[in-house]
Amino acid sequence: MHSSHMKLLPSLVVLLLMSFSAFAQQRKVFKINPGQKVIEGIPREDLYKYPAFIPGEVYFKNGRVGTAQMNYNNLYAEIQFVGPKMDTLSLSEEKSIDYIKINADTFFYHEGYVESIAIYGPVRLAKKNFIDYVKKEKLDGYGQKSSASIETYSSMSGGGNQALRDLVAKEILTFAPYTSYYFGDRFNKFKVATRKNLLSMFGKDTNQETRIDNFLKTESIDFRNPDDLLKVAVFISNL
């Protein structure tokens, strides 16, 4: 390797580390302390998608339409509405829901709520924003963090944290916001955005499957990048 290139490498590594450090510092996390309810440890502006409950419409598969003041709860990963007693309730009969309109946003329900990003021909692209459990830090006998007993987890539940409604932390818990992406078909059946799921949904025959697979390789598609997923949706809609 040329000597000038060798000199550039350390500087490049430093820049990459600085960039990663800046990204890590921007990562929002929520610390839940012992004795505190999980929902109490997350600021309202992070807990809900909208600043306030606003008019929404629920379109059911049987043609019925319901209206209420609604919001999307990021911790529970579900739509909530204001009930008759001005209490916050979760929608029931989810499987009978066709879609929900809140503001200019559309939500579908298929094994959980997903928010529509775009529709290209037969391809639906959607996302799910949710707040999930990251890790737990146990306290030692003196009430201090015990580094020996720290357990780290990746995001596990993908939202829909029903068990968190009244959960009171017995140790320090850490939560963070996540986004997962989904492909859907014309029947609003959604699957997590992966190569395998994409091919199973839209690879109608061997030729089509090969063309999609070649596109994914040629374009170096990152299934965590919404811009890349839009490229995929446009490509498939033109097959």
C-alpha atoms as a PDB file:
ATOM      1  CA  MET A   1       0.000   0.000   0.000  1.00  0.00           C
ATOM      2  CA  HIS A   2       1.242   3.481  -0.858  1.00  0.00           C
ATOM      3  CA  SER A   3       2.692   5.372   2.155  1.00  0.00           C
ATOM      4  CA  SER A   4       0.306   8.327   1.689  1.00  0.00           C
ATOM      5  CA  HIS A   5      -2.619   5.907   1.931  1.00  0.00           C
ATOM      6  CA  MET A   6      -1.133   4.449   5.107  1.00  0.00           C
ATOM      7  CA  LYS A   7      -1.039   7.926   6.676  1.00  0.00           C
ATOM      8  CA  LEU A   8      -4.682   8.486   5.840  1.00  0.00           C
ATOM      9  CA  LEU A   9      -5.914   5.358   7.626  1.00  0.00           C
ATOM     10  CA  PRO A  10      -5.434   6.545  11.251  1.00  0.00           C
ATOM     11  CA  SER A  11      -7.190   9.824  10.443  1.00  0.00           C
ATOM     12  CA  LEU A  12     -10.057   7.928   8.800  1.00  0.00           C
ATOM     13  CA  VAL A  13     -10.426   5.656  11.838  1.00  0.00           C
ATOM     14  CA  VAL A  14     -10.528   8.678  14.151  1.00  0.00           C
ATOM     15  CA  LEU A  15     -13.232  10.336  12.008  1.00  0.00           C
ATOM     16  CA  LEU A  16     -15.303   7.149  11.983  1.00  0.00           C
ATOM     17  CA  LEU A  17     -15.014   6.799  15.743  1.00  0.00           C
ATOM     18  CA  MET A  18     -16.007  10.444  16.223  1.00  0.00           C
ATOM     19  CA  SER A  19     -19.023   9.944  13.967  1.00  0.00           C
ATOM     20  CA  PHE A  20     -20.056   6.803  15.853  1.00  0.00           C
ATOM     21  CA  SER A  21     -19.601   8.568  19.181  1.00  0.00           C
ATOM     22  CA  ALA A  22     -21.810  11.462  18.044  1.00  0.00           C
ATOM     23  CA  PHE A  23     -24.475   8.993  16.891  1.00  0.00           C
ATOM     24  CA  ALA A  24     -24.314   7.104  20.191  1.00  0.00           C
ATOM     25  CA  GLN A  25     -24.737  10.351  22.127  1.00  0.00           C
ATOM     26  CA  GLN A  26     -27.852  11.199  20.122  1.00  0.00           C
ATOM     27  CA  ARG A  27     -29.474   7.855  20.913  1.00  0.00           C
ATOM     28  CA  LYS A  28     -32.404   8.577  23.207  1.00  0.00           C
ATOM     29  CA  VAL A  29     -32.877   6.217  26.133  1.00  0.00           C
ATOM     30  CA  PHE A  30     -35.245   6.190  29.099  1.00  0.00           C
ATOM     31  CA  LYS A  31     -34.075   5.059  32.527  1.00  0.00           C
ATOM     32  CA  ILE A  32     -36.755   3.570  34.780  1.00  0.00           C
ATOM     33  CA  ASN A  33     -35.742   3.554  38.437  1.00  0.00           C
ATOM     34  CA  PRO A  34     -36.745   0.981  41.079  1.00  0.00           C
ATOM     35  CA  GLY A  35     -40.265   1.655  42.400  1.00  0.00           C
ATOM     36  CA  GLN A  36     -41.230   3.631  39.280  1.00  0.00           C
ATOM     37  CA  LYS A  37     -43.836   2.530  36.744  1.00  0.00           C
ATOM     38  CA  VAL A  38     -42.372   2.128  33.259  1.00  0.00           C
ATOM     39  CA  ILE A  39     -44.991   4.400  31.719  1.00  0.00           C
ATOM     40  CA  GLU A  40     -44.164   7.131  34.276  1.00  0.00           C
ATOM     41  CA  GLY A  41     -40.512   7.165  33.225  1.00  0.00           C
ATOM     42  CA  ILE A  42     -41.195   8.082  29.599  1.00  0.00           C
ATOM     43  CA  PRO A  43     -41.988  11.736  28.746  1.00  0.00           C
ATOM     44  CA  ARG A  44     -45.392  12.270  27.148  1.00  0.00           C
ATOM     45  CA  GLU A  45     -43.850  13.704  23.976  1.00  0.00           C
ATOM     46  CA  ASP A  46     -41.997  10.401  23.502  1.00  0.00           C
ATOM     47  CA  LEU A  47     -44.824   8.180  24.723  1.00  0.00           C
ATOM     48  CA  TYR A  48     -47.304   9.367  22.076  1.00  0.00           C
ATOM     49  CA  LYS A  49     -46.997  10.027  18.350  1.00  0.00           C
ATOM     50  CA  TYR A  50     -49.098  13.204  18.459  1.00  0.00           C
ATOM     51  CA  PRO A  51     -48.870  16.047  21.021  1.00  0.00           C
ATOM     52  CA  ALA A  52     -52.545  15.495  21.923  1.00  0.00           C
ATOM     53  CA  PHE A  53     -55.409  13.104  21.200  1.00  0.00           C
ATOM     54  CA  ILE A  54     -56.954  14.200  17.904  1.00  0.00           C
ATOM     55  CA  PRO A  55     -59.961  13.149  15.790  1.00  0.00           C
ATOM     56  CA  GLY A  56     -59.504   9.773  14.138  1.00  0.00           C
ATOM     57  CA  GLU A  57     -61.618   7.339  12.151  1.00  0.00           C
ATOM     58  CA  VAL A  58     -61.698   3.545  12.393  1.00  0.00           C
ATOM     59  CA  TYR A  59     -62.816   1.779   9.204  1.00  0.00           C
ATOM     60  CA  PHE A  60     -64.049  -1.751   9.893  1.00  0.00           C
ATOM     61  CA  LYS A  61     -64.086  -4.597   7.368  1.00  0.00           C
ATOM     62  CA  ASN A  62     -67.895  -4.758   7.538  1.00  0.00           C
ATOM     63  CA  GLY A  63     -68.170  -1.141   6.342  1.00  0.00           C
ATOM     64  CA  ARG A  64     -68.830   0.396   9.751  1.00  0.00           C
ATOM     65  CA  VAL A  65     -66.929   3.581  10.648  1.00  0.00           C
ATOM     66  CA  GLY A  66     -66.183   4.731  14.179  1.00  0.00           C
ATOM     67  CA  THR A  67     -64.821   8.118  15.267  1.00  0.00           C
ATOM     68  CA  ALA A  68     -63.054   9.223  18.440  1.00  0.00           C
ATOM     69  CA  GLN A  69     -60.166  11.284  19.777  1.00  0.00           C
ATOM     70  CA  MET A  70     -57.141   9.059  19.143  1.00  0.00           C
ATOM     71  CA  ASN A  71     -53.396   8.784  19.509  1.00  0.00           C
ATOM     72  CA  TYR A  72     -50.690   6.165  18.946  1.00  0.00           C
ATOM     73  CA  ASN A  73     -48.908   4.942  22.085  1.00  0.00           C
ATOM     74  CA  ASN A  74     -45.256   4.117  21.281  1.00  0.00           C
ATOM     75  CA  LEU A  75     -44.732   2.039  24.432  1.00  0.00           C
ATOM     76  CA  TYR A  76     -47.772  -0.190  23.912  1.00  0.00           C
ATOM     77  CA  ALA A  77     -47.449   0.021  20.103  1.00  0.00           C
ATOM     78  CA  GLU A  78     -51.201   0.448  19.766  1.00  0.00           C
ATOM     79  CA  ILE A  79     -53.924   2.960  18.993  1.00  0.00           C
ATOM     80  CA  GLN A  80     -55.672   4.452  22.009  1.00  0.00           C
ATOM     81  CA  PHE A  81     -58.781   6.624  22.264  1.00  0.00           C
ATOM     82  CA  VAL A  82     -60.515   8.812  24.821  1.00  0.00           C
ATOM     83  CA  GLY A  83     -63.495   6.967  26.329  1.00  0.00           C
ATOM     84  CA  PRO A  84     -66.862   8.282  27.567  1.00  0.00           C
ATOM     85  CA  LYS A  85     -65.451   8.867  31.047  1.00  0.00           C
ATOM     86  CA  MET A  86     -62.499  10.777  29.565  1.00  0.00           C
ATOM     87  CA  ASP A  87     -60.240   7.816  30.311  1.00  0.00           C
ATOM     88  CA  THR A  88     -57.652   6.431  27.881  1.00  0.00           C
ATOM     89  CA  LEU A  89     -58.679   3.101  26.352  1.00  0.00           C
ATOM     90  CA  SER A  90     -57.195   0.752  23.773  1.00  0.00           C
ATOM     91  CA  LEU A  91     -59.122  -0.261  20.669  1.00  0.00           C
ATOM     92  CA  SER A  92     -60.631  -3.737  20.749  1.00  0.00           C
ATOM     93  CA  GLU A  93     -61.807  -5.917  17.853  1.00  0.00           C
ATOM     94  CA  GLU A  94     -58.477  -5.279  16.105  1.00  0.00           C
ATOM     95  CA  LYS A  95     -58.928  -8.171  13.660  1.00  0.00           C
ATOM     96  CA  SER A  96     -62.158  -6.608  12.396  1.00  0.00           C
ATOM     97  CA  ILE A  97     -60.375  -3.322  11.561  1.00  0.00           C
ATOM     98  CA  ASP A  98     -59.592  -2.549   7.929  1.00  0.00           C
ATOM     99  CA  TYR A  99     -57.595   0.626   8.578  1.00  0.00           C
ATOM    100  CA  ILE A 100     -57.444   3.713  10.797  1.00  0.00           C
ATOM    101  CA  LYS A 101     -57.008   7.340   9.752  1.00  0.00           C
ATOM    102  CA  ILE A 102     -55.523   9.827  12.211  1.00  0.00           C
ATOM    103  CA  ASN A 103     -54.580  13.209  10.819  1.00  0.00           C
ATOM    104  CA  ALA A 104     -52.948  12.459   7.458  1.00  0.00           C
ATOM    105  CA  ASP A 105     -51.642   9.084   8.667  1.00  0.00           C
ATOM    106  CA  THR A 106     -53.036   5.631   7.893  1.00  0.00           C
ATOM    107  CA  PHE A 107     -52.589   2.626  10.188  1.00  0.00           C
ATOM    108  CA  PHE A 108     -53.269  -0.990   9.312  1.00  0.00           C
ATOM    109  CA  TYR A 109     -53.693  -3.862  11.741  1.00  0.00           C
ATOM    110  CA  HIS A 110     -52.112  -7.221  11.017  1.00  0.00           C
ATOM    111  CA  GLU A 111     -50.672  -8.923  14.090  1.00  0.00           C
ATOM    112  CA  GLY A 112     -50.072  -5.420  15.440  1.00  0.00           C
ATOM    113  CA  TYR A 113     -50.437  -1.866  14.169  1.00  0.00           C
ATOM    114  CA  VAL A 114     -48.241  -0.594  11.344  1.00  0.00           C
ATOM    115  CA  GLU A 115     -48.193   2.885   9.847  1.00  0.00           C
ATOM    116  CA  SER A 116     -48.362   3.236   6.072  1.00  0.00           C
ATOM    117  CA  ILE A 117     -45.355   4.854   4.398  1.00  0.00           C
ATOM    118  CA  ALA A 118     -46.169   4.331   0.716  1.00  0.00           C
ATOM    119  CA  ILE A 119     -48.178   2.200  -1.705  1.00  0.00           C
ATOM    120  CA  TYR A 120     -46.765   1.254  -5.107  1.00  0.00           C
ATOM    121  CA  GLY A 121     -49.093  -0.991  -7.074  1.00  0.00           C
ATOM    122  CA  PRO A 122     -49.309  -4.297  -5.173  1.00  0.00           C
ATOM    123  CA  VAL A 123     -46.653  -3.293  -2.631  1.00  0.00           C
ATOM    124  CA  ARG A 124     -47.372  -1.656   0.700  1.00  0.00           C
ATOM    125  CA  LEU A 125     -44.502  -0.242   2.721  1.00  0.00           C
ATOM    126  CA  ALA A 126     -45.095   0.400   6.411  1.00  0.00           C
ATOM    127  CA  LYS A 127     -43.285   1.007   9.676  1.00  0.00           C
ATOM    128  CA  LYS A 128     -43.825   0.459  13.368  1.00  0.00           C
ATOM    129  CA  ASN A 129     -42.442   2.897  15.904  1.00  0.00           C
ATOM    130  CA  PHE A 130     -42.173   1.494  19.395  1.00  0.00           C
ATOM    131  CA  ILE A 131     -40.339   1.854  22.681  1.00  0.00           C
ATOM    132  CA  ASP A 132     -38.765  -1.361  23.885  1.00  0.00           C
ATOM    133  CA  TYR A 133     -36.704  -2.908  26.650  1.00  0.00           C
ATOM    134  CA  VAL A 134     -32.942  -2.635  26.139  1.00  0.00           C
ATOM    135  CA  LYS A 135     -31.214  -3.921  29.238  1.00  0.00           C
ATOM    136  CA  LYS A 136     -31.540  -4.193  32.986  1.00  0.00           C
ATOM    137  CA  GLU A 137     -28.973  -3.166  35.567  1.00  0.00           C
ATOM    138  CA  LYS A 138     -29.246  -4.863  38.932  1.00  0.00           C
ATOM    139  CA  LEU A 139     -28.277  -3.096  42.147  1.00  0.00           C
ATOM    140  CA  ASP A 140     -25.830  -4.680  44.551  1.00  0.00           C
ATOM    141  CA  GLY A 141     -26.337  -4.886  48.338  1.00  0.00           C
ATOM    142  CA  TYR A 142     -25.296  -1.247  48.731  1.00  0.00           C
ATOM    143  CA  GLY A 143     -27.768   0.106  46.183  1.00  0.00           C
ATOM    144  CA  GLN A 144     -25.034   0.592  43.568  1.00  0.00           C
ATOM    145  CA  LYS A 145     -25.014  -0.681  39.989  1.00  0.00           C
ATOM    146  CA  SER A 146     -23.449  -4.112  39.851  1.00  0.00           C
ATOM    147  CA  SER A 147     -21.463  -4.352  36.625  1.00  0.00           C
ATOM    148  CA  ALA A 148     -21.088  -8.103  37.089  1.00  0.00           C
ATOM    149  CA  SER A 149     -24.841  -8.638  36.803  1.00  0.00           C
ATOM    150  CA  ILE A 150     -25.681  -6.415  33.852  1.00  0.00           C
ATOM    151  CA  GLU A 151     -27.691  -8.269  31.232  1.00  0.00           C
ATOM    152  CA  THR A 152     -27.922  -6.799  27.752  1.00  0.00           C
ATOM    153  CA  TYR A 153     -30.721  -7.539  25.297  1.00  0.00           C
ATOM    154  CA  SER A 154     -31.519  -6.551  21.779  1.00  0.00           C
ATOM    155  CA  SER A 155     -35.059  -5.396  21.055  1.00  0.00           C
ATOM    156  CA  MET A 156     -37.217  -8.448  21.695  1.00  0.00           C
ATOM    157  CA  SER A 157     -40.909  -7.748  21.610  1.00  0.00           C
ATOM    158  CA  GLY A 158     -41.203  -5.417  18.626  1.00  0.00           C
ATOM    159  CA  GLY A 159     -43.822  -3.418  20.445  1.00  0.00           C
ATOM    160  CA  GLY A 160     -47.184  -4.387  21.848  1.00  0.00           C
ATOM    161  CA  ASN A 161     -45.900  -4.411  25.408  1.00  0.00           C
ATOM    162  CA  GLN A 162     -49.141  -5.363  27.155  1.00  0.00           C
ATOM    163  CA  ALA A 163     -47.289  -6.519  30.268  1.00  0.00           C
ATOM    164  CA  LEU A 164     -45.854  -3.024  30.780  1.00  0.00           C
ATOM    165  CA  ARG A 165     -49.152  -1.332  31.626  1.00  0.00           C
ATOM    166  CA  ASP A 166     -48.757  -1.540  35.391  1.00  0.00           C
ATOM    167  CA  LEU A 167     -45.201  -2.858  35.634  1.00  0.00           C
ATOM    168  CA  VAL A 168     -43.231  -1.337  38.494  1.00  0.00           C
ATOM    169  CA  ALA A 169     -39.443  -1.594  38.103  1.00  0.00           C
ATOM    170  CA  LYS A 170     -37.629  -3.621  40.759  1.00  0.00           C
ATOM    171  CA  GLU A 171     -34.274  -2.651  39.281  1.00  0.00           C
ATOM    172  CA  ILE A 172     -32.964  -0.030  36.877  1.00  0.00           C
ATOM    173  CA  LEU A 173     -34.548  -0.678  33.476  1.00  0.00           C
ATOM    174  CA  THR A 174     -33.550   0.927  30.194  1.00  0.00           C
ATOM    175  CA  PHE A 175     -35.925   1.520  27.291  1.00  0.00           C
ATOM    176  CA  ALA A 176     -35.275   3.084  23.893  1.00  0.00           C
ATOM    177  CA  PRO A 177     -37.239   3.973  20.729  1.00  0.00           C
ATOM    178  CA  TYR A 178     -37.024   1.659  17.713  1.00  0.00           C
ATOM    179  CA  THR A 179     -38.474   1.508  14.220  1.00  0.00           C
ATOM    180  CA  SER A 180     -39.129  -1.685  12.282  1.00  0.00           C
ATOM    181  CA  TYR A 181     -40.175  -1.799   8.616  1.00  0.00           C
ATOM    182  CA  TYR A 182     -42.681  -4.016   6.825  1.00  0.00           C
ATOM    183  CA  PHE A 183     -43.730  -5.073   3.344  1.00  0.00           C
ATOM    184  CA  GLY A 184     -47.436  -5.605   2.727  1.00  0.00           C
ATOM    185  CA  ASP A 185     -49.522  -6.980  -0.118  1.00  0.00           C
ATOM    186  CA  ARG A 186     -52.744  -5.669  -1.641  1.00  0.00           C
ATOM    187  CA  PHE A 187     -54.704  -7.502   1.089  1.00  0.00           C
ATOM    188  CA  ASN A 188     -52.857  -5.555   3.794  1.00  0.00           C
ATOM    189  CA  LYS A 189     -51.038  -8.626   5.091  1.00  0.00           C
ATOM    190  CA  PHE A 190     -47.687  -7.412   6.428  1.00  0.00           C
ATOM    191  CA  LYS A 191     -44.369  -9.103   7.093  1.00  0.00           C
ATOM    192  CA  VAL A 192     -41.121  -7.709   8.524  1.00  0.00           C
ATOM    193  CA  ALA A 193     -38.936  -6.316   5.730  1.00  0.00           C
ATOM    194  CA  THR A 194     -36.414  -9.065   5.009  1.00  0.00           C
ATOM    195  CA  ARG A 195     -35.155 -10.676   1.805  1.00  0.00           C
ATOM    196  CA  LYS A 196     -36.877 -13.960   2.637  1.00  0.00           C
ATOM    197  CA  ASN A 197     -40.251 -12.344   3.330  1.00  0.00           C
ATOM    198  CA  LEU A 198     -40.027 -10.150   0.240  1.00  0.00           C
ATOM    199  CA  LEU A 199     -39.393 -13.131  -2.045  1.00  0.00           C
ATOM    200  CA  SER A 200     -42.157 -15.182  -0.416  1.00  0.00           C
ATOM    201  CA  MET A 201     -44.661 -12.354  -0.931  1.00  0.00           C
ATOM    202  CA  PHE A 202     -43.778 -11.160  -4.441  1.00  0.00           C
ATOM    203  CA  GLY A 203     -41.655 -13.893  -6.052  1.00  0.00           C
ATOM    204  CA  LYS A 204     -44.624 -15.324  -7.982  1.00  0.00           C
ATOM    205  CA  ASP A 205     -42.427 -17.620 -10.066  1.00  0.00           C
ATOM    206  CA  THR A 206     -38.766 -18.550 -10.435  1.00  0.00           C
ATOM    207  CA  ASN A 207     -38.107 -15.809 -13.017  1.00  0.00           C
ATOM    208  CA  GLN A 208     -39.673 -13.096 -10.854  1.00  0.00           C
ATOM    209  CA  GLU A 209     -37.859 -14.323  -7.767  1.00  0.00           C
ATOM    210  CA  THR A 210     -34.532 -14.242  -9.621  1.00  0.00           C
ATOM    211  CA  ARG A 211     -35.126 -10.698 -10.892  1.00  0.00           C
ATOM    212  CA  ILE A 212     -35.977  -9.437  -7.399  1.00  0.00           C
ATOM    213  CA  ASP A 213     -32.980 -11.216  -5.893  1.00  0.00           C
ATOM    214  CA  ASN A 214     -30.628  -9.760  -8.519  1.00  0.00           C
ATOM    215  CA  PHE A 215     -31.995  -6.276  -7.838  1.00  0.00           C
ATOM    216  CA  LEU A 216     -31.377  -6.661  -4.103  1.00  0.00           C
ATOM    217  CA  LYS A 217     -27.769  -7.701  -4.745  1.00  0.00           C
ATOM    218  CA  THR A 218     -27.052  -5.091  -7.435  1.00  0.00           C
ATOM    219  CA  GLU A 219     -28.457  -2.221  -5.361  1.00  0.00           C
ATOM    220  CA  SER A 220     -26.989  -3.516  -2.059  1.00  0.00           C
ATOM    221  CA  ILE A 221     -30.370  -3.057  -0.402  1.00  0.00           C
ATOM    222  CA  ASP A 222     -30.340  -2.406   3.347  1.00  0.00           C
ATOM    223  CA  PHE A 223     -33.651  -3.608   4.805  1.00  0.00           C
ATOM    224  CA  ARG A 224     -33.270  -1.174   7.718  1.00  0.00           C
ATOM    225  CA  ASN A 225     -33.108   1.831   5.386  1.00  0.00           C
ATOM    226  CA  PRO A 226     -36.539   3.193   4.333  1.00  0.00           C
ATOM    227  CA  ASP A 227     -35.075   4.868   1.229  1.00  0.00           C
ATOM    228  CA  ASP A 228     -33.747   1.493   0.050  1.00  0.00           C
ATOM    229  CA  LEU A 229     -37.110  -0.130   0.752  1.00  0.00           C
ATOM    230  CA  LEU A 230     -38.847   2.503  -1.377  1.00  0.00           C
ATOM    231  CA  LYS A 231     -36.505   1.552  -4.244  1.00  0.00           C
ATOM    232  CA  VAL A 232     -37.539  -2.082  -3.797  1.00  0.00           C
ATOM    233  CA  ALA A 233     -41.246  -1.213  -3.771  1.00  0.00           C
ATOM    234  CA  VAL A 234     -40.943   0.830  -6.977  1.00  0.00           C
ATOM    235  CA  PHE A 235     -38.963  -1.963  -8.673  1.00  0.00           C
ATOM    236  CA  ILE A 236     -41.527  -4.642  -7.803  1.00  0.00           C
ATOM    237  CA  SER A 237     -44.449  -2.439  -8.838  1.00  0.00           C
ATOM    238  CA  ASN A 238     -42.905  -2.221 -12.331  1.00  0.00           C
ATOM    239  CA  LEU A 239     -42.377  -5.966 -12.789  1.00  0.00           C
END
